[in-house]
C-alpha atoms as a PDB file:
ATOM      1  CA  UNK A   1      -1.190  40.540  19.415  1.00  0.00           C
ATOM      2  CA  UNK A   2       0.516  37.546  17.439  1.00  0.00           C
ATOM      3  CA  UNK A   3       3.284  37.886  14.784  1.00  0.00           C
ATOM      4  CA  UNK A   4       1.470  38.718  11.112  1.00  0.00           C
ATOM      5  CA  UNK A   5       1.209  35.785   9.069  1.00  0.00           C
ATOM      6  CA  UNK A   6       3.602  35.883   6.099  1.00  0.00           C
ATOM      7  CA  UNK A   7       3.528  33.741   2.872  1.00  0.00           C
ATOM      8  CA  UNK A   8       6.996  33.467   1.176  1.00  0.00           C
ATOM      9  CA  UNK A   9       6.707  31.782  -2.247  1.00  0.00           C
ATOM     10  CA  UNK A  10      10.306  32.259  -3.869  1.00  0.00           C
ATOM     11  CA  UNK A  11      12.525  29.111  -3.056  1.00  0.00           C
ATOM     12  CA  UNK A  12      16.199  29.728  -1.969  1.00  0.00           C
ATOM     13  CA  UNK A  13      19.081  28.820  -4.590  1.00  0.00           C
ATOM     14  CA  UNK A  14      21.094  26.118  -3.302  1.00  0.00           C
ATOM     15  CA  UNK A  15      23.640  28.631  -2.531  1.00  0.00           C
ATOM     16  CA  UNK A  16      21.444  31.020  -0.506  1.00  0.00           C
ATOM     17  CA  UNK A  17      21.404  29.478   3.362  1.00  0.00           C
ATOM     18  CA  UNK A  18      25.033  29.672   3.657  1.00  0.00           C
ATOM     19  CA  UNK A  19      24.415  33.703   2.112  1.00  0.00           C
ATOM     20  CA  UNK A  20      21.451  34.274   4.489  1.00  0.00           C
ATOM     21  CA  UNK A  21      23.209  32.707   7.286  1.00  0.00           C
ATOM     22  CA  UNK A  22      25.983  35.122   6.736  1.00  0.00           C
ATOM     23  CA  UNK A  23      23.525  38.075   6.167  1.00  0.00           C
ATOM     24  CA  UNK A  24      22.005  37.311   9.509  1.00  0.00           C
ATOM     25  CA  UNK A  25      25.722  37.252  11.480  1.00  0.00           C
ATOM     26  CA  UNK A  26      26.539  40.883   9.616  1.00  0.00           C
ATOM     27  CA  UNK A  27      22.918  42.550  10.247  1.00  0.00           C
ATOM     28  CA  UNK A  28      22.821  40.917  13.998  1.00  0.00           C
ATOM     29  CA  UNK A  29      25.774  38.989  15.387  1.00  0.00           C
ATOM     30  CA  UNK A  30      26.509  35.583  15.732  1.00  0.00           C
ATOM     31  CA  UNK A  31      23.687  34.315  18.140  1.00  0.00           C
ATOM     32  CA  UNK A  32      20.763  36.132  16.862  1.00  0.00           C
ATOM     33  CA  UNK A  33      17.389  34.502  16.434  1.00  0.00           C
ATOM     34  CA  UNK A  34      14.100  35.818  17.052  1.00  0.00           C
ATOM     35  CA  UNK A  35      13.071  32.149  19.016  1.00  0.00           C
ATOM     36  CA  UNK A  36      15.156  30.085  21.150  1.00  0.00           C
ATOM     37  CA  UNK A  37      13.740  26.988  19.814  1.00  0.00           C
ATOM     38  CA  UNK A  38      12.105  24.984  16.948  1.00  0.00           C
ATOM     39  CA  UNK A  39       9.980  22.137  17.135  1.00  0.00           C
ATOM     40  CA  UNK A  40      10.035  20.463  13.697  1.00  0.00           C
ATOM     41  CA  UNK A  41       7.112  17.659  12.686  1.00  0.00           C
ATOM     42  CA  UNK A  42       8.825  15.276  10.794  1.00  0.00           C
ATOM     43  CA  UNK A  43       6.042  13.230   8.017  1.00  0.00           C
ATOM     44  CA  UNK A  44       5.728  15.547   5.420  1.00  0.00           C
ATOM     45  CA  UNK A  45       7.280  18.299   6.963  1.00  0.00           C
ATOM     46  CA  UNK A  46      11.053  17.030   6.719  1.00  0.00           C
ATOM     47  CA  UNK A  47      10.353  13.427   4.796  1.00  0.00           C
ATOM     48  CA  UNK A  48       8.098  13.325   2.019  1.00  0.00           C
ATOM     49  CA  UNK A  49       5.928  10.403   2.665  1.00  0.00           C
ATOM     50  CA  UNK A  50       2.497  11.732   2.645  1.00  0.00           C
ATOM     51  CA  UNK A  51       0.985   9.901  -0.323  1.00  0.00           C
ATOM     52  CA  UNK A  52       2.930   6.943   0.854  1.00  0.00           C
ATOM     53  CA  UNK A  53       1.178   6.932   4.166  1.00  0.00           C
ATOM     54  CA  UNK A  54      -2.320   7.356   2.771  1.00  0.00           C
ATOM     55  CA  UNK A  55      -1.931   4.680   0.706  1.00  0.00           C
ATOM     56  CA  UNK A  56      -0.874   2.340   3.422  1.00  0.00           C
ATOM     57  CA  UNK A  57      -4.160   3.457   5.235  1.00  0.00           C
ATOM     58  CA  UNK A  58      -5.908   2.908   2.436  1.00  0.00           C
ATOM     59  CA  UNK A  59      -4.821  -0.624   2.087  1.00  0.00           C
ATOM     60  CA  UNK A  60      -5.590  -1.281   5.769  1.00  0.00           C
ATOM     61  CA  UNK A  61      -9.066  -0.063   5.555  1.00  0.00           C
ATOM     62  CA  UNK A  62      -9.879  -2.268   2.469  1.00  0.00           C
ATOM     63  CA  UNK A  63      -8.297  -5.524   4.526  1.00  0.00           C
ATOM     64  CA  UNK A  64     -10.879  -4.865   6.937  1.00  0.00           C
ATOM     65  CA  UNK A  65     -13.563  -4.103   4.275  1.00  0.00           C
ATOM     66  CA  UNK A  66     -13.720  -0.478   4.153  1.00  0.00           C
ATOM     67  CA  UNK A  67     -13.524   1.442   1.496  1.00  0.00           C
ATOM     68  CA  UNK A  68     -12.522   5.165   1.782  1.00  0.00           C
ATOM     69  CA  UNK A  69     -11.145   7.447  -1.086  1.00  0.00           C
ATOM     70  CA  UNK A  70      -7.678   8.977  -0.540  1.00  0.00           C
ATOM     71  CA  UNK A  71      -9.334  12.474  -0.655  1.00  0.00           C
ATOM     72  CA  UNK A  72     -10.726  11.902   2.872  1.00  0.00           C
ATOM     73  CA  UNK A  73      -8.292  10.374   4.131  1.00  0.00           C
ATOM     74  CA  UNK A  74      -6.091  13.569   3.151  1.00  0.00           C
ATOM     75  CA  UNK A  75      -8.433  15.733   4.990  1.00  0.00           C
ATOM     76  CA  UNK A  76      -7.277  13.748   8.107  1.00  0.00           C
ATOM     77  CA  UNK A  77      -3.460  13.445   7.427  1.00  0.00           C
ATOM     78  CA  UNK A  78      -1.293  14.343  10.427  1.00  0.00           C
ATOM     79  CA  UNK A  79      -3.900  13.383  12.676  1.00  0.00           C
ATOM     80  CA  UNK A  80      -3.666  10.809  15.711  1.00  0.00           C
ATOM     81  CA  UNK A  81      -4.466   7.879  13.996  1.00  0.00           C
ATOM     82  CA  UNK A  82      -7.479   6.312  16.214  1.00  0.00           C
ATOM     83  CA  UNK A  83      -9.124  10.020  15.806  1.00  0.00           C
ATOM     84  CA  UNK A  84      -8.444   9.587  11.874  1.00  0.00           C
ATOM     85  CA  UNK A  85     -10.626   5.931  11.807  1.00  0.00           C
ATOM     86  CA  UNK A  86     -13.575   7.554  14.272  1.00  0.00           C
ATOM     87  CA  UNK A  87     -14.098  10.509  11.412  1.00  0.00           C
ATOM     88  CA  UNK A  88     -13.261   7.970   8.250  1.00  0.00           C
ATOM     89  CA  UNK A  89     -15.236   4.756   9.754  1.00  0.00           C
ATOM     90  CA  UNK A  90     -17.507   5.758  12.488  1.00  0.00           C
ATOM     91  CA  UNK A  91     -18.882   2.111  12.344  1.00  0.00           C
ATOM     92  CA  UNK A  92     -15.943   0.555  13.174  1.00  0.00           C
ATOM     93  CA  UNK A  93     -15.149  -0.829  16.833  1.00  0.00           C
ATOM     94  CA  UNK A  94     -12.314   0.445  19.083  1.00  0.00           C
ATOM     95  CA  UNK A  95     -10.811  -3.251  18.558  1.00  0.00           C
ATOM     96  CA  UNK A  96     -11.290  -3.009  14.626  1.00  0.00           C
ATOM     97  CA  UNK A  97      -9.497   0.590  14.507  1.00  0.00           C
ATOM     98  CA  UNK A  98      -6.763  -0.689  16.702  1.00  0.00           C
ATOM     99  CA  UNK A  99      -6.096  -3.857  14.358  1.00  0.00           C
ATOM    100  CA  UNK A 100      -6.528  -1.348  11.226  1.00  0.00           C
ATOM    101  CA  UNK A 101      -3.615   1.100  12.472  1.00  0.00           C
ATOM    102  CA  UNK A 102      -1.208  -2.364  13.690  1.00  0.00           C
ATOM    103  CA  UNK A 103      -2.202  -3.652   9.743  1.00  0.00           C
ATOM    104  CA  UNK A 104      -0.986  -0.184   8.291  1.00  0.00           C
ATOM    105  CA  UNK A 105       2.426   0.022  10.279  1.00  0.00           C
ATOM    106  CA  UNK A 106       3.212  -3.206   9.003  1.00  0.00           C
ATOM    107  CA  UNK A 107       1.934  -2.598   5.073  1.00  0.00           C
ATOM    108  CA  UNK A 108       3.890   0.753   5.667  1.00  0.00           C
ATOM    109  CA  UNK A 109       7.003  -0.600   6.701  1.00  0.00           C
ATOM    110  CA  UNK A 110       6.970  -3.413   4.103  1.00  0.00           C
ATOM    111  CA  UNK A 111       5.698  -1.655   0.886  1.00  0.00           C
ATOM    112  CA  UNK A 112       6.145   2.048   1.123  1.00  0.00           C
ATOM    113  CA  UNK A 113       8.953   2.986   3.669  1.00  0.00           C
ATOM    114  CA  UNK A 114      11.699   1.983   1.914  1.00  0.00           C
ATOM    115  CA  UNK A 115      10.680   4.777  -1.365  1.00  0.00           C
ATOM    116  CA  UNK A 116      10.517   7.905   1.629  1.00  0.00           C
ATOM    117  CA  UNK A 117      13.235  10.467   0.755  1.00  0.00           C
ATOM    118  CA  UNK A 118      14.098  13.792   2.682  1.00  0.00           C
ATOM    119  CA  UNK A 119      13.363  16.893   1.252  1.00  0.00           C
ATOM    120  CA  UNK A 120      15.921  18.934   0.476  1.00  0.00           C
ATOM    121  CA  UNK A 121      17.883  21.288   2.531  1.00  0.00           C
ATOM    122  CA  UNK A 122      16.964  20.143   5.988  1.00  0.00           C
ATOM    123  CA  UNK A 123      20.171  19.355   7.635  1.00  0.00           C
ATOM    124  CA  UNK A 124      21.561  22.918   6.123  1.00  0.00           C
ATOM    125  CA  UNK A 125      18.262  24.684   7.663  1.00  0.00           C
ATOM    126  CA  UNK A 126      18.843  22.735  11.148  1.00  0.00           C
ATOM    127  CA  UNK A 127      22.853  24.137  11.150  1.00  0.00           C
ATOM    128  CA  UNK A 128      21.702  27.830  10.380  1.00  0.00           C
ATOM    129  CA  UNK A 129      19.072  27.921  13.195  1.00  0.00           C
ATOM    130  CA  UNK A 130      21.368  26.483  15.485  1.00  0.00           C
ATOM    131  CA  UNK A 131      24.379  28.573  14.240  1.00  0.00           C
ATOM    132  CA  UNK A 132      22.030  31.510  15.397  1.00  0.00           C
ATOM    133  CA  UNK A 133      22.196  30.343  18.882  1.00  0.00           C
ATOM    134  CA  UNK A 134      18.351  28.338  18.544  1.00  0.00           C
ATOM    135  CA  UNK A 135      17.854  24.488  19.572  1.00  0.00           C
ATOM    136  CA  UNK A 136      16.148  21.950  17.434  1.00  0.00           C
ATOM    137  CA  UNK A 137      14.023  19.865  18.535  1.00  0.00           C
ATOM    138  CA  UNK A 138      11.562  17.037  16.483  1.00  0.00           C
ATOM    139  CA  UNK A 139       7.945  15.887  17.625  1.00  0.00           C
ATOM    140  CA  UNK A 140       6.399  13.562  15.460  1.00  0.00           C
ATOM    141  CA  UNK A 141       3.422  10.788  15.656  1.00  0.00           C
ATOM    142  CA  UNK A 142       5.920   8.037  14.369  1.00  0.00           C
ATOM    143  CA  UNK A 143       7.944   5.375  15.797  1.00  0.00           C
ATOM    144  CA  UNK A 144       9.765   2.632  15.779  1.00  0.00           C
ATOM    145  CA  UNK A 145      11.365   1.565  12.819  1.00  0.00           C
ATOM    146  CA  UNK A 146       9.758   4.323  10.408  1.00  0.00           C
ATOM    147  CA  UNK A 147      10.903   6.861  13.273  1.00  0.00           C
ATOM    148  CA  UNK A 148      14.611   5.670  13.208  1.00  0.00           C
ATOM    149  CA  UNK A 149      14.507   5.480   9.015  1.00  0.00           C
ATOM    150  CA  UNK A 150      13.922   9.179   9.396  1.00  0.00           C
ATOM    151  CA  UNK A 151      16.687   9.756  11.713  1.00  0.00           C
ATOM    152  CA  UNK A 152      19.055   8.238   9.057  1.00  0.00           C
ATOM    153  CA  UNK A 153      17.702  10.093   6.254  1.00  0.00           C
ATOM    154  CA  UNK A 154      17.697  13.217   7.682  1.00  0.00           C
ATOM    155  CA  UNK A 155      21.488  12.805   9.033  1.00  0.00           C
ATOM    156  CA  UNK A 156      20.795  15.705  10.948  1.00  0.00           C
ATOM    157  CA  UNK A 157      21.455  14.314  14.768  1.00  0.00           C
ATOM    158  CA  UNK A 158      24.363  17.004  15.189  1.00  0.00           C
ATOM    159  CA  UNK A 159      21.869  19.707  15.033  1.00  0.00           C
ATOM    160  CA  UNK A 160      19.019  18.027  17.150  1.00  0.00           C
ATOM    161  CA  UNK A 161      18.859  18.515  20.717  1.00  0.00           C
ATOM    162  CA  UNK A 162      15.608  16.772  21.501  1.00  0.00           C
ATOM    163  CA  UNK A 163      13.173  14.437  19.857  1.00  0.00           C
ATOM    164  CA  UNK A 164       9.707  12.980  20.732  1.00  0.00           C
ATOM    165  CA  UNK A 165       7.937  10.325  19.170  1.00  0.00           C
ATOM    166  CA  UNK A 166       5.191   8.113  19.067  1.00  0.00           C
ATOM    167  CA  UNK A 167       6.587   6.158  21.514  1.00  0.00           C
ATOM    168  CA  UNK A 168       6.911   8.286  24.058  1.00  0.00           C
ATOM    169  CA  UNK A 169       3.247   9.344  23.985  1.00  0.00           C
ATOM    170  CA  UNK A 170      -0.010   7.898  24.095  1.00  0.00           C
ATOM    171  CA  UNK A 171      -1.633  10.820  21.835  1.00  0.00           C
ATOM    172  CA  UNK A 172      -1.148  11.966  18.521  1.00  0.00           C
ATOM    173  CA  UNK A 173      -1.864  15.410  17.470  1.00  0.00           C
ATOM    174  CA  UNK A 174      -3.540  17.740  17.934  1.00  0.00           C
ATOM    175  CA  UNK A 175      -3.213  16.630  21.279  1.00  0.00           C
ATOM    176  CA  UNK A 176      -0.450  19.244  22.658  1.00  0.00           C
ATOM    177  CA  UNK A 177       1.507  17.031  25.049  1.00  0.00           C
ATOM    178  CA  UNK A 178       4.171  15.873  22.165  1.00  0.00           C
ATOM    179  CA  UNK A 179       4.670  19.257  21.653  1.00  0.00           C
ATOM    180  CA  UNK A 180       4.821  20.159  25.470  1.00  0.00           C
ATOM    181  CA  UNK A 181       7.350  17.205  26.389  1.00  0.00           C
ATOM    182  CA  UNK A 182       9.723  18.535  23.165  1.00  0.00           C
ATOM    183  CA  UNK A 183       9.223  22.307  24.862  1.00  0.00           C
ATOM    184  CA  UNK A 184      10.385  20.650  28.460  1.00  0.00           C
ATOM    185  CA  UNK A 185      13.501  18.756  26.961  1.00  0.00           C
ATOM    186  CA  UNK A 186      14.482  21.910  25.301  1.00  0.00           C
ATOM    187  CA  UNK A 187      14.175  23.775  28.395  1.00  0.00           C
ATOM    188  CA  UNK A 188      12.580  26.706  26.138  1.00  0.00           C
ATOM    189  CA  UNK A 189       9.396  28.348  27.052  1.00  0.00           C
ATOM    190  CA  UNK A 190       6.678  28.120  24.701  1.00  0.00           C
ATOM    191  CA  UNK A 191       6.656  31.644  23.864  1.00  0.00           C
ATOM    192  CA  UNK A 192       9.824  31.551  22.800  1.00  0.00           C
ATOM    193  CA  UNK A 193       9.624  28.591  20.466  1.00  0.00           C
ATOM    194  CA  UNK A 194       8.149  27.676  16.954  1.00  0.00           C
ATOM    195  CA  UNK A 195       6.173  24.749  16.344  1.00  0.00           C
ATOM    196  CA  UNK A 196       6.365  23.850  12.605  1.00  0.00           C
ATOM    197  CA  UNK A 197       4.749  21.471  10.881  1.00  0.00           C
ATOM    198  CA  UNK A 198       2.374  20.456   7.463  1.00  0.00           C
ATOM    199  CA  UNK A 199      -0.991  20.034   8.787  1.00  0.00           C
ATOM    200  CA  UNK A 200      -3.807  22.375  11.066  1.00  0.00           C
ATOM    201  CA  UNK A 201      -3.326  19.457  13.514  1.00  0.00           C
ATOM    202  CA  UNK A 202       0.283  20.757  14.181  1.00  0.00           C
ATOM    203  CA  UNK A 203      -0.890  24.186  14.575  1.00  0.00           C
ATOM    204  CA  UNK A 204      -3.539  23.178  17.014  1.00  0.00           C
ATOM    205  CA  UNK A 205      -0.902  21.116  19.061  1.00  0.00           C
ATOM    206  CA  UNK A 206       1.468  24.084  18.940  1.00  0.00           C
ATOM    207  CA  UNK A 207      -0.711  26.859  20.000  1.00  0.00           C
ATOM    208  CA  UNK A 208      -2.246  24.519  22.583  1.00  0.00           C
ATOM    209  CA  UNK A 209       1.246  24.216  23.551  1.00  0.00           C
ATOM    210  CA  UNK A 210       2.002  27.735  24.239  1.00  0.00           C
ATOM    211  CA  UNK A 211       4.256  27.859  20.629  1.00  0.00           C
ATOM    212  CA  UNK A 212       4.124  29.982  17.857  1.00  0.00           C
ATOM    213  CA  UNK A 213       3.013  28.011  14.678  1.00  0.00           C
ATOM    214  CA  UNK A 214       4.672  27.771  10.991  1.00  0.00           C
ATOM    215  CA  UNK A 215       3.837  25.756   8.309  1.00  0.00           C
ATOM    216  CA  UNK A 216       4.935  24.303   4.807  1.00  0.00           C
ATOM    217  CA  UNK A 217       2.890  23.126   1.876  1.00  0.00           C
ATOM    218  CA  UNK A 218       4.423  20.196   1.522  1.00  0.00           C
ATOM    219  CA  UNK A 219       1.898  17.950   3.433  1.00  0.00           C
ATOM    220  CA  UNK A 220      -1.413  18.385   0.761  1.00  0.00           C
ATOM    221  CA  UNK A 221      -2.875  21.402   3.211  1.00  0.00           C
ATOM    222  CA  UNK A 222      -4.046  24.410   1.514  1.00  0.00           C
ATOM    223  CA  UNK A 223      -2.134  28.100   2.330  1.00  0.00           C
ATOM    224  CA  UNK A 224      -5.664  28.925   3.591  1.00  0.00           C
ATOM    225  CA  UNK A 225      -6.264  26.146   5.893  1.00  0.00           C
ATOM    226  CA  UNK A 226      -2.891  26.448   7.353  1.00  0.00           C
ATOM    227  CA  UNK A 227      -3.380  29.975   8.088  1.00  0.00           C
ATOM    228  CA  UNK A 228      -6.689  29.573   9.192  1.00  0.00           C
ATOM    229  CA  UNK A 229      -5.304  27.079  11.891  1.00  0.00           C
ATOM    230  CA  UNK A 230      -2.757  29.977  13.544  1.00  0.00           C
ATOM    231  CA  UNK A 231       0.479  29.893  11.618  1.00  0.00           C
ATOM    232  CA  UNK A 232       2.197  33.596  11.542  1.00  0.00           C
ATOM    233  CA  UNK A 233       4.206  32.056   8.226  1.00  0.00           C
ATOM    234  CA  UNK A 234       3.281  29.686   5.618  1.00  0.00           C
ATOM    235  CA  UNK A 235       5.842  28.470   2.875  1.00  0.00           C
ATOM    236  CA  UNK A 236       6.246  26.212   0.164  1.00  0.00           C
ATOM    237  CA  UNK A 237       8.868  23.739   1.925  1.00  0.00           C
ATOM    238  CA  UNK A 238      11.518  24.359   4.470  1.00  0.00           C
ATOM    239  CA  UNK A 239      14.339  26.106   2.432  1.00  0.00           C
ATOM    240  CA  UNK A 240      11.611  28.814   1.354  1.00  0.00           C
ATOM    241  CA  UNK A 241      10.349  29.243   5.373  1.00  0.00           C
ATOM    242  CA  UNK A 242      13.805  29.672   6.674  1.00  0.00           C
ATOM    243  CA  UNK A 243      13.739  33.949   6.529  1.00  0.00           C
ATOM    244  CA  UNK A 244      10.734  33.787   8.534  1.00  0.00           C
ATOM    245  CA  UNK A 245      11.658  31.394  10.994  1.00  0.00           C
ATOM    246  CA  UNK A 246      15.202  33.547  11.278  1.00  0.00           C
ATOM    247  CA  UNK A 247      13.480  36.996  11.277  1.00  0.00           C
ATOM    248  CA  UNK A 248       9.723  36.201  11.981  1.00  0.00           C
ATOM    249  CA  UNK A 249       8.116  39.755  10.299  1.00  0.00           C
ATOM    250  CA  UNK A 250      11.215  40.987   8.722  1.00  0.00           C
ATOM    251  CA  UNK A 251      11.749  37.533   6.838  1.00  0.00           C
ATOM    252  CA  UNK A 252      10.255  38.588   3.509  1.00  0.00           C
ATOM    253  CA  UNK A 253      11.643  41.930   3.496  1.00  0.00           C
ATOM    254  CA  UNK A 254      15.258  40.216   2.817  1.00  0.00           C
ATOM    255  CA  UNK A 255      16.345  40.719  -0.573  1.00  0.00           C
ATOM    256  CA  UNK A 256      18.800  38.739  -2.512  1.00  0.00           C
ATOM    257  CA  UNK A 257      21.230  41.749  -2.960  1.00  0.00           C
ATOM    258  CA  UNK A 258      21.614  41.707   0.883  1.00  0.00           C
ATOM    259  CA  UNK A 259      22.339  38.182   1.096  1.00  0.00           C
ATOM    260  CA  UNK A 260      24.941  38.778  -1.821  1.00  0.00           C
ATOM    261  CA  UNK A 261      26.576  41.673  -0.094  1.00  0.00           C
ATOM    262  CA  UNK A 262      26.725  40.405   3.001  1.00  0.00           C
ATOM    263  CA  UNK A 263      27.926  36.643   1.794  1.00  0.00           C
END
């Protein structure tokens, strides 16, 4: 049986990641982690760009004569781009779909990428995970200029052991090959790894690749959608998900007094 699904809603205070790490050392000794590897999606999980991504796709569709509500596009946020267009505009030809995706990439880089910001606490979370002996990888459909911009925003290269992006694979999520390639780069079996994302497509890719899956609510999907997709833990953001990543089912049992006594 897989891990019990967990919901962690209380955000960590700014000082709590350090205290949480101290608690881990005190309880389990340095190097303890339930999992050996953590594979993170980037867009919507580590950087706050979902609204910009959706608007850029809507702009590109309108340039080709298609009007699709953002609410409809949100349903497919995180899905492989060509699959998204097959669902959103089924009448579009393969050539039209390719042109729309190329337009979107150009519009996004020009009009929206400069406004993208990283979510708080990413570097601290990666540091804590690696200090516990785990390895961190990034697995994202994005590529090129956008991927390089995100890496600069995150400023966490020293804690990232491997990256796989859209430049490395032909198909995006939920195709599991992106996650599978990250696992091979980490040298970690899927059973000892967690795929962390913000969409049900991240979860599907992780499960198909053999990992456990967890999610954050920063991508616009409801908790019920993410839990039904198979996530053992769902949280408001990465900071609030961190205890469950470290301790699995025991994460929510930790109390602030435990952190303070051990800090």
